[in-house]
Amino acid sequence: MAESKKITAVNIKKLWYGETNAITADLTGQALYTLLQGETLKEVKNIHQDTWTLEEAEASRTNYKNQLTGQTYRSDKEMGDVTVNFTIGEYDYPTKKDLMGGDVINTDKGWKRARGKVNIEKLLVALTDDDQYCVIPRADIGAREATTDKAVGIPVSAVELEPQNAEVAPEYWFDSSEVKAGA
């Protein structure tokens, strides 16, 4: 039996975001290839150094003991959140609007903040340095302004959400050799 390919999913070399309705069925490498070739996704061109992370919180668990034996006989578990974090170091006003809400002024000459609570959901696609694609079809975007290394960047924290379409998984990983045209 051949040994499975090992990955490290180290660092990030590309990141895209798009609308959550761009994935309408169980994702395949071919479908991801088509998505990447189209104009559905917008590439983030500048991720401030060492700010991209993907973390899954540990599940919280409640154990129930048998009072007679003192041993655990069942357990309830709530899975931890999966969160993608990154800071955009250089951006345009349309990107600021896409991730923070609000409105662009005069096509791309400025931005104004929306009043009240802003709910933004996006599809995220990341490509790692070792050519692994991570796809999160639906993420709740929390973005803000923050000064990092003497410039105002846009730190983004995206929490993976369950897709509204039951055919779509909440997270996909593909080796780049699977992301190609044709069958």
C-alpha atoms as a PDB file:
ATOM      1  CA  MET A   1       0.000   0.000   0.000  1.00  0.00           C
ATOM      2  CA  ALA A   2       1.344   3.411  -0.973  1.00  0.00           C
ATOM      3  CA  GLU A   3       1.955   5.898   1.789  1.00  0.00           C
ATOM      4  CA  SER A   4      -0.416   8.892   1.864  1.00  0.00           C
ATOM      5  CA  LYS A   5       0.963  12.292   0.932  1.00  0.00           C
ATOM      6  CA  LYS A   6       1.964  14.282   4.009  1.00  0.00           C
ATOM      7  CA  ILE A   7       1.150  17.975   4.289  1.00  0.00           C
ATOM      8  CA  THR A   8       2.096  20.717   6.702  1.00  0.00           C
ATOM      9  CA  ALA A   9      -0.235  23.453   5.420  1.00  0.00           C
ATOM     10  CA  VAL A  10       2.484  25.953   6.174  1.00  0.00           C
ATOM     11  CA  ASN A  11       1.977  29.695   5.864  1.00  0.00           C
ATOM     12  CA  ILE A  12      -0.175  31.307   3.159  1.00  0.00           C
ATOM     13  CA  LYS A  13       0.645  32.505  -0.322  1.00  0.00           C
ATOM     14  CA  LYS A  14      -2.804  33.478  -1.629  1.00  0.00           C
ATOM     15  CA  LEU A  15      -6.167  34.369  -0.126  1.00  0.00           C
ATOM     16  CA  TRP A  16      -9.497  35.065  -1.805  1.00  0.00           C
ATOM     17  CA  TYR A  17     -12.992  35.914  -0.574  1.00  0.00           C
ATOM     18  CA  GLY A  18     -16.376  35.886  -2.244  1.00  0.00           C
ATOM     19  CA  GLU A  19     -20.078  35.555  -1.694  1.00  0.00           C
ATOM     20  CA  THR A  20     -21.344  32.512   0.182  1.00  0.00           C
ATOM     21  CA  ASN A  21     -23.730  31.570  -2.651  1.00  0.00           C
ATOM     22  CA  ALA A  22     -20.768  30.779  -4.949  1.00  0.00           C
ATOM     23  CA  ILE A  23     -20.723  27.159  -3.699  1.00  0.00           C
ATOM     24  CA  THR A  24     -24.061  25.430  -4.258  1.00  0.00           C
ATOM     25  CA  ALA A  25     -23.134  21.725  -4.021  1.00  0.00           C
ATOM     26  CA  ASP A  26     -20.522  19.479  -2.432  1.00  0.00           C
ATOM     27  CA  LEU A  27     -17.229  21.029  -3.547  1.00  0.00           C
ATOM     28  CA  THR A  28     -14.805  19.142  -5.786  1.00  0.00           C
ATOM     29  CA  GLY A  29     -11.316  20.051  -6.955  1.00  0.00           C
ATOM     30  CA  GLN A  30     -12.696  20.679 -10.442  1.00  0.00           C
ATOM     31  CA  ALA A  31     -15.422  22.993  -9.089  1.00  0.00           C
ATOM     32  CA  LEU A  32     -12.829  24.881  -7.030  1.00  0.00           C
ATOM     33  CA  TYR A  33     -10.647  25.248 -10.146  1.00  0.00           C
ATOM     34  CA  THR A  34     -13.609  26.737 -12.038  1.00  0.00           C
ATOM     35  CA  LEU A  35     -14.360  29.088  -9.136  1.00  0.00           C
ATOM     36  CA  LEU A  36     -10.738  30.282  -9.051  1.00  0.00           C
ATOM     37  CA  GLN A  37     -10.720  30.932 -12.816  1.00  0.00           C
ATOM     38  CA  GLY A  38     -13.847  33.094 -12.778  1.00  0.00           C
ATOM     39  CA  GLU A  39     -14.517  36.557 -11.442  1.00  0.00           C
ATOM     40  CA  THR A  40     -16.534  35.389  -8.431  1.00  0.00           C
ATOM     41  CA  LEU A  41     -13.649  35.634  -5.975  1.00  0.00           C
ATOM     42  CA  LYS A  42     -11.612  38.699  -5.061  1.00  0.00           C
ATOM     43  CA  GLU A  43      -7.960  38.151  -4.162  1.00  0.00           C
ATOM     44  CA  VAL A  44      -6.542  39.817  -1.064  1.00  0.00           C
ATOM     45  CA  LYS A  45      -3.229  41.208  -2.325  1.00  0.00           C
ATOM     46  CA  ASN A  46      -1.552  42.112   0.967  1.00  0.00           C
ATOM     47  CA  ILE A  47      -1.573  40.080   4.175  1.00  0.00           C
ATOM     48  CA  HIS A  48       0.544  41.799   6.826  1.00  0.00           C
ATOM     49  CA  GLN A  49       3.425  39.520   7.805  1.00  0.00           C
ATOM     50  CA  ASP A  50       2.734  36.577  10.074  1.00  0.00           C
ATOM     51  CA  THR A  51      -0.902  37.475  10.785  1.00  0.00           C
ATOM     52  CA  TRP A  52      -2.617  34.633   8.908  1.00  0.00           C
ATOM     53  CA  THR A  53      -3.780  31.844  11.210  1.00  0.00           C
ATOM     54  CA  LEU A  54      -6.310  29.051  11.153  1.00  0.00           C
ATOM     55  CA  GLU A  55      -7.284  27.754  14.582  1.00  0.00           C
ATOM     56  CA  GLU A  56      -9.849  25.289  15.843  1.00  0.00           C
ATOM     57  CA  ALA A  57     -10.813  25.733  19.483  1.00  0.00           C
ATOM     58  CA  GLU A  58     -10.794  22.620  21.607  1.00  0.00           C
ATOM     59  CA  ALA A  59     -14.199  21.002  22.039  1.00  0.00           C
ATOM     60  CA  SER A  60     -15.930  21.595  25.353  1.00  0.00           C
ATOM     61  CA  ARG A  61     -16.936  18.370  27.008  1.00  0.00           C
ATOM     62  CA  THR A  62     -19.252  17.481  29.878  1.00  0.00           C
ATOM     63  CA  ASN A  63     -18.684  14.035  31.345  1.00  0.00           C
ATOM     64  CA  TYR A  64     -21.355  12.196  33.339  1.00  0.00           C
ATOM     65  CA  LYS A  65     -20.328   9.740  36.068  1.00  0.00           C
ATOM     66  CA  ASN A  66     -22.031   6.592  37.214  1.00  0.00           C
ATOM     67  CA  GLN A  67     -22.702   7.374  40.871  1.00  0.00           C
ATOM     68  CA  LEU A  68     -22.315   3.717  41.817  1.00  0.00           C
ATOM     69  CA  THR A  69     -18.906   3.133  40.168  1.00  0.00           C
ATOM     70  CA  GLY A  70     -17.476   6.641  39.930  1.00  0.00           C
ATOM     71  CA  GLN A  71     -16.628   6.001  36.252  1.00  0.00           C
ATOM     72  CA  THR A  72     -17.650   8.149  33.299  1.00  0.00           C
ATOM     73  CA  TYR A  73     -20.464   6.431  31.412  1.00  0.00           C
ATOM     74  CA  ARG A  74     -21.341   9.111  28.850  1.00  0.00           C
ATOM     75  CA  SER A  75     -20.140  12.439  27.571  1.00  0.00           C
ATOM     76  CA  ASP A  76     -21.620  15.455  25.795  1.00  0.00           C
ATOM     77  CA  LYS A  77     -19.389  17.391  23.462  1.00  0.00           C
ATOM     78  CA  GLU A  78     -19.704  20.780  21.800  1.00  0.00           C
ATOM     79  CA  MET A  79     -17.218  21.269  18.981  1.00  0.00           C
ATOM     80  CA  GLY A  80     -14.912  24.291  19.100  1.00  0.00           C
ATOM     81  CA  ASP A  81     -15.122  27.143  16.611  1.00  0.00           C
ATOM     82  CA  VAL A  82     -12.843  27.240  13.576  1.00  0.00           C
ATOM     83  CA  THR A  83     -11.446  30.743  13.094  1.00  0.00           C
ATOM     84  CA  VAL A  84      -9.340  32.272  10.316  1.00  0.00           C
ATOM     85  CA  ASN A  85      -7.453  35.461  11.219  1.00  0.00           C
ATOM     86  CA  PHE A  86      -5.422  37.800   9.028  1.00  0.00           C
ATOM     87  CA  THR A  87      -4.592  41.479   8.754  1.00  0.00           C
ATOM     88  CA  ILE A  88      -4.789  43.274   5.435  1.00  0.00           C
ATOM     89  CA  GLY A  89      -1.899  45.726   5.355  1.00  0.00           C
ATOM     90  CA  GLU A  90      -2.722  47.500   2.081  1.00  0.00           C
ATOM     91  CA  TYR A  91      -6.237  47.682   0.644  1.00  0.00           C
ATOM     92  CA  ASP A  92      -8.659  49.665  -1.479  1.00  0.00           C
ATOM     93  CA  TYR A  93     -11.953  51.172  -0.361  1.00  0.00           C
ATOM     94  CA  PRO A  94     -14.096  48.503  -2.086  1.00  0.00           C
ATOM     95  CA  THR A  95     -12.250  45.824  -0.058  1.00  0.00           C
ATOM     96  CA  LYS A  96     -12.831  47.829   3.127  1.00  0.00           C
ATOM     97  CA  LYS A  97     -16.553  47.955   2.259  1.00  0.00           C
ATOM     98  CA  ASP A  98     -16.688  44.230   1.441  1.00  0.00           C
ATOM     99  CA  LEU A  99     -15.235  43.224   4.805  1.00  0.00           C
ATOM    100  CA  MET A 100     -16.357  46.050   7.135  1.00  0.00           C
ATOM    101  CA  GLY A 101     -19.627  47.126   5.535  1.00  0.00           C
ATOM    102  CA  GLY A 102     -20.426  50.789   4.978  1.00  0.00           C
ATOM    103  CA  ASP A 103     -20.284  52.490   1.605  1.00  0.00           C
ATOM    104  CA  VAL A 104     -17.634  53.517  -0.888  1.00  0.00           C
ATOM    105  CA  ILE A 105     -17.556  57.224  -1.709  1.00  0.00           C
ATOM    106  CA  ASN A 106     -17.332  58.343  -5.366  1.00  0.00           C
ATOM    107  CA  THR A 107     -16.580  54.874  -6.837  1.00  0.00           C
ATOM    108  CA  ASP A 108     -13.269  54.363  -4.988  1.00  0.00           C
ATOM    109  CA  LYS A 109     -12.225  57.713  -3.503  1.00  0.00           C
ATOM    110  CA  GLY A 110     -13.328  57.139   0.074  1.00  0.00           C
ATOM    111  CA  TRP A 111     -15.372  55.076   2.518  1.00  0.00           C
ATOM    112  CA  LYS A 112     -17.963  55.781   5.167  1.00  0.00           C
ATOM    113  CA  ARG A 113     -18.897  53.529   8.063  1.00  0.00           C
ATOM    114  CA  ALA A 114     -22.375  52.033   8.354  1.00  0.00           C
ATOM    115  CA  ARG A 115     -24.448  52.862  11.416  1.00  0.00           C
ATOM    116  CA  GLY A 116     -25.203  50.109  13.898  1.00  0.00           C
ATOM    117  CA  LYS A 117     -24.376  46.433  13.749  1.00  0.00           C
ATOM    118  CA  VAL A 118     -22.970  45.090  10.486  1.00  0.00           C
ATOM    119  CA  ASN A 119     -23.384  41.395   9.599  1.00  0.00           C
ATOM    120  CA  ILE A 120     -21.101  40.162   6.837  1.00  0.00           C
ATOM    121  CA  GLU A 121     -20.673  36.582   5.657  1.00  0.00           C
ATOM    122  CA  LYS A 122     -18.094  35.545   3.047  1.00  0.00           C
ATOM    123  CA  LEU A 123     -16.621  32.486   1.401  1.00  0.00           C
ATOM    124  CA  LEU A 124     -12.863  32.177   2.071  1.00  0.00           C
ATOM    125  CA  VAL A 125     -10.261  30.301   0.005  1.00  0.00           C
ATOM    126  CA  ALA A 126      -6.628  30.123   1.114  1.00  0.00           C
ATOM    127  CA  LEU A 127      -3.642  28.555  -0.658  1.00  0.00           C
ATOM    128  CA  THR A 128      -0.719  27.554   1.549  1.00  0.00           C
ATOM    129  CA  ASP A 129       2.973  27.685   0.639  1.00  0.00           C
ATOM    130  CA  ASP A 130       2.940  23.903   0.222  1.00  0.00           C
ATOM    131  CA  ASP A 131       0.022  24.082  -2.255  1.00  0.00           C
ATOM    132  CA  GLN A 132      -2.905  23.083  -0.070  1.00  0.00           C
ATOM    133  CA  TYR A 133      -6.250  24.807  -0.590  1.00  0.00           C
ATOM    134  CA  CYS A 134      -8.429  25.463   2.443  1.00  0.00           C
ATOM    135  CA  VAL A 135     -12.016  26.473   1.620  1.00  0.00           C
ATOM    136  CA  ILE A 136     -14.538  27.785   4.116  1.00  0.00           C
ATOM    137  CA  PRO A 137     -17.838  28.215   2.234  1.00  0.00           C
ATOM    138  CA  ARG A 138     -19.508  30.388   4.884  1.00  0.00           C
ATOM    139  CA  ALA A 139     -17.748  32.509   7.490  1.00  0.00           C
ATOM    140  CA  ASP A 140     -18.970  35.286   9.760  1.00  0.00           C
ATOM    141  CA  ILE A 141     -16.604  38.191   9.129  1.00  0.00           C
ATOM    142  CA  GLY A 142     -15.516  40.488  11.922  1.00  0.00           C
ATOM    143  CA  ALA A 143     -13.240  43.229  10.605  1.00  0.00           C
ATOM    144  CA  ARG A 144     -11.990  46.409  12.241  1.00  0.00           C
ATOM    145  CA  GLU A 145      -9.339  49.089  11.952  1.00  0.00           C
ATOM    146  CA  ALA A 146      -6.173  48.698  14.002  1.00  0.00           C
ATOM    147  CA  THR A 147      -2.727  50.248  13.971  1.00  0.00           C
ATOM    148  CA  THR A 148      -0.032  47.656  13.307  1.00  0.00           C
ATOM    149  CA  ASP A 149       3.591  48.667  12.719  1.00  0.00           C
ATOM    150  CA  LYS A 150       2.677  52.365  12.316  1.00  0.00           C
ATOM    151  CA  ALA A 151      -0.078  51.818   9.693  1.00  0.00           C
ATOM    152  CA  VAL A 152      -3.837  51.279   9.959  1.00  0.00           C
ATOM    153  CA  GLY A 153      -4.582  47.779   8.746  1.00  0.00           C
ATOM    154  CA  ILE A 154      -7.779  45.765   8.634  1.00  0.00           C
ATOM    155  CA  PRO A 155      -7.589  42.814  11.030  1.00  0.00           C
ATOM    156  CA  VAL A 156     -10.158  40.202  10.016  1.00  0.00           C
ATOM    157  CA  SER A 157     -11.449  37.385  12.182  1.00  0.00           C
ATOM    158  CA  ALA A 158     -13.662  34.935  10.293  1.00  0.00           C
ATOM    159  CA  VAL A 159     -15.581  32.258  12.189  1.00  0.00           C
ATOM    160  CA  GLU A 160     -16.614  29.198  10.211  1.00  0.00           C
ATOM    161  CA  LEU A 161     -20.408  28.836  10.016  1.00  0.00           C
ATOM    162  CA  GLU A 162     -22.518  25.875   8.995  1.00  0.00           C
ATOM    163  CA  PRO A 163     -23.502  26.337   5.332  1.00  0.00           C
ATOM    164  CA  GLN A 164     -27.206  26.879   4.713  1.00  0.00           C
ATOM    165  CA  ASN A 165     -27.133  24.220   1.964  1.00  0.00           C
ATOM    166  CA  ALA A 166     -26.942  20.746   3.570  1.00  0.00           C
ATOM    167  CA  GLU A 167     -24.953  19.420   0.560  1.00  0.00           C
ATOM    168  CA  VAL A 168     -22.063  21.793   1.322  1.00  0.00           C
ATOM    169  CA  ALA A 169     -19.550  20.902   4.047  1.00  0.00           C
ATOM    170  CA  PRO A 170     -18.370  23.621   6.471  1.00  0.00           C
ATOM    171  CA  GLU A 171     -14.713  23.193   5.442  1.00  0.00           C
ATOM    172  CA  TYR A 172     -12.770  21.608   2.568  1.00  0.00           C
ATOM    173  CA  TRP A 173      -9.080  20.894   2.013  1.00  0.00           C
ATOM    174  CA  PHE A 174      -7.597  19.998  -1.391  1.00  0.00           C
ATOM    175  CA  ASP A 175      -4.084  19.271  -2.546  1.00  0.00           C
ATOM    176  CA  SER A 176      -3.414  21.523  -5.556  1.00  0.00           C
ATOM    177  CA  SER A 177      -3.049  18.408  -7.744  1.00  0.00           C
ATOM    178  CA  GLU A 178      -6.838  17.946  -7.266  1.00  0.00           C
ATOM    179  CA  VAL A 179      -7.671  21.515  -8.284  1.00  0.00           C
ATOM    180  CA  LYS A 180      -7.641  21.205 -12.063  1.00  0.00           C
ATOM    181  CA  ALA A 181      -9.869  21.453 -15.111  1.00  0.00           C
ATOM    182  CA  GLY A 182     -11.597  18.351 -16.423  1.00  0.00           C
ATOM    183  CA  ALA A 183     -12.601  15.163 -14.664  1.00  0.00           C
END
